[in-house]
């Protein structure tokens, strides 16, 4: 980004969409990951990274069992519903800073924050848990929902500071590592 290369960036982007052989099924995936590196001095660097992913899956259905075999239904038949949805959204921010006091002693600080939200709704066949009754052909269906109000989350916080030093005592060479970590997780599920 700059002529002296003190600032550098990287941008990763991925997108994928898939259809499935089953009715009204498929998924869509988006991944974005920019990063910025700052060479503050010849001894200090700091890197900021962001990752975002959003995975949406629609209409996933299962094939029920008849006895110990898959039921003889058309391959494309989806016994779920078209509004079955699973959305998995994830965001992570990290900041890593390193400083070299000299060739033997270094300080490193790392901070990470992540937010994860999973939303699911569905009406599915309980194929493997409640097989089709072969005498009457009945199947068991169940409804499942998670985070339909949009307020569920998992937040993770991580912080680490460490000092690494190399030194000799007589004929022995040593590498000393001192530091501390902090981790906290906060979540809400409905």
C-alpha atoms as a PDB file:
ATOM      1  CA  UNK A   1       0.000   0.000   0.000  1.00  0.00           C
ATOM      2  CA  UNK A   2       2.884   2.385   0.688  1.00  0.00           C
ATOM      3  CA  UNK A   3       6.103   2.909  -1.265  1.00  0.00           C
ATOM      4  CA  UNK A   4       8.283   1.923   1.700  1.00  0.00           C
ATOM      5  CA  UNK A   5       6.072  -1.172   2.309  1.00  0.00           C
ATOM      6  CA  UNK A   6       5.240  -0.172   5.887  1.00  0.00           C
ATOM      7  CA  UNK A   7       1.591  -1.001   5.161  1.00  0.00           C
ATOM      8  CA  UNK A   8       0.525  -4.141   3.320  1.00  0.00           C
ATOM      9  CA  UNK A   9      -2.894  -5.670   2.801  1.00  0.00           C
ATOM     10  CA  UNK A  10      -4.409  -8.902   1.607  1.00  0.00           C
ATOM     11  CA  UNK A  11      -8.000  -9.558   0.588  1.00  0.00           C
ATOM     12  CA  UNK A  12      -9.470 -13.056   0.230  1.00  0.00           C
ATOM     13  CA  UNK A  13     -12.955 -13.628  -1.143  1.00  0.00           C
ATOM     14  CA  UNK A  14     -14.769 -16.862  -1.833  1.00  0.00           C
ATOM     15  CA  UNK A  15     -18.285 -17.583  -3.047  1.00  0.00           C
ATOM     16  CA  UNK A  16     -19.923 -20.896  -3.844  1.00  0.00           C
ATOM     17  CA  UNK A  17     -23.463 -21.907  -4.719  1.00  0.00           C
ATOM     18  CA  UNK A  18     -24.707 -25.468  -5.096  1.00  0.00           C
ATOM     19  CA  UNK A  19     -27.889 -27.183  -6.131  1.00  0.00           C
ATOM     20  CA  UNK A  20     -28.778 -30.687  -5.062  1.00  0.00           C
ATOM     21  CA  UNK A  21     -30.586 -33.558  -6.719  1.00  0.00           C
ATOM     22  CA  UNK A  22     -33.289 -33.282  -4.034  1.00  0.00           C
ATOM     23  CA  UNK A  23     -36.223 -30.922  -4.452  1.00  0.00           C
ATOM     24  CA  UNK A  24     -35.811 -27.308  -3.255  1.00  0.00           C
ATOM     25  CA  UNK A  25     -32.370 -27.970  -1.778  1.00  0.00           C
ATOM     26  CA  UNK A  26     -29.003 -26.300  -2.136  1.00  0.00           C
ATOM     27  CA  UNK A  27     -26.574 -24.049  -0.389  1.00  0.00           C
ATOM     28  CA  UNK A  28     -24.719 -20.780  -0.727  1.00  0.00           C
ATOM     29  CA  UNK A  29     -21.405 -19.905   0.919  1.00  0.00           C
ATOM     30  CA  UNK A  30     -19.658 -16.544   1.264  1.00  0.00           C
ATOM     31  CA  UNK A  31     -16.208 -16.042   2.792  1.00  0.00           C
ATOM     32  CA  UNK A  32     -14.446 -12.659   3.155  1.00  0.00           C
ATOM     33  CA  UNK A  33     -11.062 -12.261   4.888  1.00  0.00           C
ATOM     34  CA  UNK A  34      -9.172  -8.953   4.643  1.00  0.00           C
ATOM     35  CA  UNK A  35      -5.957  -8.338   6.576  1.00  0.00           C
ATOM     36  CA  UNK A  36      -3.700  -5.337   7.127  1.00  0.00           C
ATOM     37  CA  UNK A  37      -0.066  -5.550   8.228  1.00  0.00           C
ATOM     38  CA  UNK A  38       1.727  -2.489   9.625  1.00  0.00           C
ATOM     39  CA  UNK A  39       5.507  -2.539   9.967  1.00  0.00           C
ATOM     40  CA  UNK A  40       5.660   0.109  12.673  1.00  0.00           C
ATOM     41  CA  UNK A  41       9.450  -0.087  12.795  1.00  0.00           C
ATOM     42  CA  UNK A  42      12.158  -2.586  11.892  1.00  0.00           C
ATOM     43  CA  UNK A  43      11.472  -4.238  15.284  1.00  0.00           C
ATOM     44  CA  UNK A  44       7.688  -3.919  15.618  1.00  0.00           C
ATOM     45  CA  UNK A  45       4.864  -5.266  13.443  1.00  0.00           C
ATOM     46  CA  UNK A  46       1.127  -5.414  13.932  1.00  0.00           C
ATOM     47  CA  UNK A  47      -1.396  -7.400  11.880  1.00  0.00           C
ATOM     48  CA  UNK A  48      -5.162  -6.925  11.901  1.00  0.00           C
ATOM     49  CA  UNK A  49      -7.266  -9.730  10.397  1.00  0.00           C
ATOM     50  CA  UNK A  50     -10.996 -10.068   9.878  1.00  0.00           C
ATOM     51  CA  UNK A  51     -12.825 -13.204   8.752  1.00  0.00           C
ATOM     52  CA  UNK A  52     -16.494 -13.415   7.856  1.00  0.00           C
ATOM     53  CA  UNK A  53     -18.388 -16.433   6.602  1.00  0.00           C
ATOM     54  CA  UNK A  54     -22.065 -16.960   5.879  1.00  0.00           C
ATOM     55  CA  UNK A  55     -23.305 -20.425   4.948  1.00  0.00           C
ATOM     56  CA  UNK A  56     -26.967 -20.882   3.982  1.00  0.00           C
ATOM     57  CA  UNK A  57     -28.457 -24.318   3.360  1.00  0.00           C
ATOM     58  CA  UNK A  58     -32.043 -24.775   2.191  1.00  0.00           C
ATOM     59  CA  UNK A  59     -34.396 -27.713   1.980  1.00  0.00           C
ATOM     60  CA  UNK A  60     -32.129 -30.435   3.309  1.00  0.00           C
ATOM     61  CA  UNK A  61     -34.114 -33.636   3.641  1.00  0.00           C
ATOM     62  CA  UNK A  62     -33.371 -37.149   4.781  1.00  0.00           C
ATOM     63  CA  UNK A  63     -34.357 -40.521   3.362  1.00  0.00           C
ATOM     64  CA  UNK A  64     -36.298 -42.553   5.922  1.00  0.00           C
ATOM     65  CA  UNK A  65     -35.590 -46.196   6.662  1.00  0.00           C
ATOM     66  CA  UNK A  66     -37.811 -49.196   6.027  1.00  0.00           C
ATOM     67  CA  UNK A  67     -36.415 -51.770   8.363  1.00  0.00           C
ATOM     68  CA  UNK A  68     -32.652 -51.537   7.921  1.00  0.00           C
ATOM     69  CA  UNK A  69     -32.749 -50.230   4.319  1.00  0.00           C
ATOM     70  CA  UNK A  70     -33.501 -46.820   2.764  1.00  0.00           C
ATOM     71  CA  UNK A  71     -37.168 -46.428   1.824  1.00  0.00           C
ATOM     72  CA  UNK A  72     -37.932 -47.039  -1.874  1.00  0.00           C
ATOM     73  CA  UNK A  73     -38.777 -43.444  -2.761  1.00  0.00           C
ATOM     74  CA  UNK A  74     -37.617 -41.370  -5.745  1.00  0.00           C
ATOM     75  CA  UNK A  75     -34.095 -40.069  -5.254  1.00  0.00           C
ATOM     76  CA  UNK A  76     -35.143 -36.432  -5.788  1.00  0.00           C
ATOM     77  CA  UNK A  77     -38.113 -36.581  -3.381  1.00  0.00           C
ATOM     78  CA  UNK A  78     -37.556 -34.375  -0.335  1.00  0.00           C
ATOM     79  CA  UNK A  79     -39.848 -35.266   2.558  1.00  0.00           C
ATOM     80  CA  UNK A  80     -38.833 -32.099   4.381  1.00  0.00           C
ATOM     81  CA  UNK A  81     -40.280 -28.685   3.549  1.00  0.00           C
ATOM     82  CA  UNK A  82     -39.052 -25.980   1.153  1.00  0.00           C
ATOM     83  CA  UNK A  83     -38.690 -23.513   4.030  1.00  0.00           C
ATOM     84  CA  UNK A  84     -36.168 -25.697   5.889  1.00  0.00           C
ATOM     85  CA  UNK A  85     -33.221 -23.376   6.499  1.00  0.00           C
ATOM     86  CA  UNK A  86     -29.878 -23.466   8.219  1.00  0.00           C
ATOM     87  CA  UNK A  87     -27.767 -20.295   8.311  1.00  0.00           C
ATOM     88  CA  UNK A  88     -24.347 -20.334   9.945  1.00  0.00           C
ATOM     89  CA  UNK A  89     -22.776 -16.872  10.311  1.00  0.00           C
ATOM     90  CA  UNK A  90     -19.295 -16.391  11.776  1.00  0.00           C
ATOM     91  CA  UNK A  91     -17.154 -13.276  12.319  1.00  0.00           C
ATOM     92  CA  UNK A  92     -13.633 -13.191  13.776  1.00  0.00           C
ATOM     93  CA  UNK A  93     -11.340 -10.221  14.425  1.00  0.00           C
ATOM     94  CA  UNK A  94      -7.727 -10.664  15.510  1.00  0.00           C
ATOM     95  CA  UNK A  95      -4.874  -8.297  16.265  1.00  0.00           C
ATOM     96  CA  UNK A  96      -1.330  -9.668  16.584  1.00  0.00           C
ATOM     97  CA  UNK A  97       1.564  -7.401  17.564  1.00  0.00           C
ATOM     98  CA  UNK A  98       5.226  -8.384  17.947  1.00  0.00           C
ATOM     99  CA  UNK A  99       8.185  -6.336  19.143  1.00  0.00           C
ATOM    100  CA  UNK A 100      11.825  -7.463  19.171  1.00  0.00           C
ATOM    101  CA  UNK A 101      13.839  -5.746  21.902  1.00  0.00           C
ATOM    102  CA  UNK A 102      16.959  -7.292  20.361  1.00  0.00           C
ATOM    103  CA  UNK A 103      17.944 -10.564  18.662  1.00  0.00           C
ATOM    104  CA  UNK A 104      17.273 -12.535  21.862  1.00  0.00           C
ATOM    105  CA  UNK A 105      14.196 -10.983  23.490  1.00  0.00           C
ATOM    106  CA  UNK A 106      10.709 -10.584  21.958  1.00  0.00           C
ATOM    107  CA  UNK A 107       7.279  -9.487  23.147  1.00  0.00           C
ATOM    108  CA  UNK A 108       4.091 -10.779  21.514  1.00  0.00           C
ATOM    109  CA  UNK A 109       0.472  -9.742  22.085  1.00  0.00           C
ATOM    110  CA  UNK A 110      -2.533 -11.516  20.528  1.00  0.00           C
ATOM    111  CA  UNK A 111      -6.207 -10.591  20.729  1.00  0.00           C
ATOM    112  CA  UNK A 112      -9.079 -12.513  19.128  1.00  0.00           C
ATOM    113  CA  UNK A 113     -12.819 -11.964  19.165  1.00  0.00           C
ATOM    114  CA  UNK A 114     -15.318 -14.219  17.441  1.00  0.00           C
ATOM    115  CA  UNK A 115     -19.078 -14.112  17.047  1.00  0.00           C
ATOM    116  CA  UNK A 116     -21.007 -17.159  15.882  1.00  0.00           C
ATOM    117  CA  UNK A 117     -24.734 -17.269  15.098  1.00  0.00           C
ATOM    118  CA  UNK A 118     -26.556 -20.403  13.954  1.00  0.00           C
ATOM    119  CA  UNK A 119     -30.184 -20.183  12.811  1.00  0.00           C
ATOM    120  CA  UNK A 120     -32.146 -23.309  11.960  1.00  0.00           C
ATOM    121  CA  UNK A 121     -35.765 -24.089  11.129  1.00  0.00           C
ATOM    122  CA  UNK A 122     -37.081 -27.272   9.681  1.00  0.00           C
ATOM    123  CA  UNK A 123     -39.754 -29.890   9.323  1.00  0.00           C
ATOM    124  CA  UNK A 124     -37.955 -33.166   8.755  1.00  0.00           C
ATOM    125  CA  UNK A 125     -38.528 -36.863   8.551  1.00  0.00           C
ATOM    126  CA  UNK A 126     -37.121 -38.679  11.555  1.00  0.00           C
ATOM    127  CA  UNK A 127     -35.857 -41.324   9.156  1.00  0.00           C
ATOM    128  CA  UNK A 128     -33.098 -42.985  11.122  1.00  0.00           C
ATOM    129  CA  UNK A 129     -34.762 -42.627  14.520  1.00  0.00           C
ATOM    130  CA  UNK A 130     -38.360 -43.502  13.582  1.00  0.00           C
ATOM    131  CA  UNK A 131     -38.421 -45.718  10.479  1.00  0.00           C
ATOM    132  CA  UNK A 132     -41.409 -45.960   8.149  1.00  0.00           C
ATOM    133  CA  UNK A 133     -44.050 -48.368   9.359  1.00  0.00           C
ATOM    134  CA  UNK A 134     -44.037 -50.915   6.494  1.00  0.00           C
ATOM    135  CA  UNK A 135     -47.625 -52.005   7.187  1.00  0.00           C
ATOM    136  CA  UNK A 136     -49.259 -48.597   6.738  1.00  0.00           C
ATOM    137  CA  UNK A 137     -46.454 -46.434   5.278  1.00  0.00           C
ATOM    138  CA  UNK A 138     -46.602 -43.809   8.049  1.00  0.00           C
ATOM    139  CA  UNK A 139     -43.537 -41.692   8.724  1.00  0.00           C
ATOM    140  CA  UNK A 140     -42.743 -39.530  11.718  1.00  0.00           C
ATOM    141  CA  UNK A 141     -41.933 -35.868  11.072  1.00  0.00           C
ATOM    142  CA  UNK A 142     -40.590 -33.378  13.575  1.00  0.00           C
ATOM    143  CA  UNK A 143     -40.194 -29.614  13.718  1.00  0.00           C
ATOM    144  CA  UNK A 144     -37.019 -27.934  14.905  1.00  0.00           C
ATOM    145  CA  UNK A 145     -36.166 -24.251  15.333  1.00  0.00           C
ATOM    146  CA  UNK A 146     -33.167 -22.446  16.791  1.00  0.00           C
ATOM    147  CA  UNK A 147     -32.454 -18.710  16.960  1.00  0.00           C
ATOM    148  CA  UNK A 148     -35.588 -17.686  15.086  1.00  0.00           C
ATOM    149  CA  UNK A 149     -35.647 -14.365  16.974  1.00  0.00           C
ATOM    150  CA  UNK A 150     -32.069 -13.608  15.819  1.00  0.00           C
ATOM    151  CA  UNK A 151     -30.728 -13.050  19.332  1.00  0.00           C
ATOM    152  CA  UNK A 152     -28.710 -16.249  19.890  1.00  0.00           C
ATOM    153  CA  UNK A 153     -24.925 -16.027  19.773  1.00  0.00           C
ATOM    154  CA  UNK A 154     -21.607 -17.387  20.942  1.00  0.00           C
ATOM    155  CA  UNK A 155     -18.972 -14.728  21.714  1.00  0.00           C
ATOM    156  CA  UNK A 156     -15.379 -15.782  22.377  1.00  0.00           C
ATOM    157  CA  UNK A 157     -12.673 -13.427  23.647  1.00  0.00           C
ATOM    158  CA  UNK A 158      -9.009 -14.423  23.774  1.00  0.00           C
ATOM    159  CA  UNK A 159      -6.061 -12.301  24.875  1.00  0.00           C
ATOM    160  CA  UNK A 160      -2.436 -13.391  25.266  1.00  0.00           C
ATOM    161  CA  UNK A 161       0.817 -11.631  26.171  1.00  0.00           C
ATOM    162  CA  UNK A 162       4.165 -13.403  26.171  1.00  0.00           C
ATOM    163  CA  UNK A 163       7.854 -12.612  26.395  1.00  0.00           C
ATOM    164  CA  UNK A 164      10.420 -14.954  24.839  1.00  0.00           C
ATOM    165  CA  UNK A 165      14.093 -14.716  25.704  1.00  0.00           C
ATOM    166  CA  UNK A 166      17.165 -16.687  24.652  1.00  0.00           C
ATOM    167  CA  UNK A 167      20.279 -16.776  26.840  1.00  0.00           C
ATOM    168  CA  UNK A 168      23.219 -18.976  27.805  1.00  0.00           C
ATOM    169  CA  UNK A 169      24.513 -20.116  31.187  1.00  0.00           C
ATOM    170  CA  UNK A 170      27.867 -21.790  30.834  1.00  0.00           C
ATOM    171  CA  UNK A 171      27.536 -24.446  28.147  1.00  0.00           C
ATOM    172  CA  UNK A 172      23.715 -24.585  28.304  1.00  0.00           C
ATOM    173  CA  UNK A 173      21.479 -22.635  25.943  1.00  0.00           C
ATOM    174  CA  UNK A 174      18.041 -21.600  27.214  1.00  0.00           C
ATOM    175  CA  UNK A 175      14.797 -20.286  25.764  1.00  0.00           C
ATOM    176  CA  UNK A 176      12.545 -18.698  28.369  1.00  0.00           C
ATOM    177  CA  UNK A 177       8.841 -18.154  27.731  1.00  0.00           C
ATOM    178  CA  UNK A 178       6.740 -16.126  30.186  1.00  0.00           C
ATOM    179  CA  UNK A 179       3.227 -14.885  29.648  1.00  0.00           C
ATOM    180  CA  UNK A 180      -0.428 -15.114  30.377  1.00  0.00           C
ATOM    181  CA  UNK A 181      -3.688 -15.857  28.598  1.00  0.00           C
ATOM    182  CA  UNK A 182      -7.250 -14.735  29.129  1.00  0.00           C
ATOM    183  CA  UNK A 183     -10.233 -16.515  27.583  1.00  0.00           C
ATOM    184  CA  UNK A 184     -13.937 -15.821  27.997  1.00  0.00           C
ATOM    185  CA  UNK A 185     -16.931 -17.315  26.252  1.00  0.00           C
ATOM    186  CA  UNK A 186     -20.449 -15.906  26.415  1.00  0.00           C
ATOM    187  CA  UNK A 187     -23.458 -17.514  24.768  1.00  0.00           C
ATOM    188  CA  UNK A 188     -27.236 -17.362  24.467  1.00  0.00           C
ATOM    189  CA  UNK A 189     -29.411 -20.166  23.069  1.00  0.00           C
ATOM    190  CA  UNK A 190     -33.166 -20.470  22.616  1.00  0.00           C
END
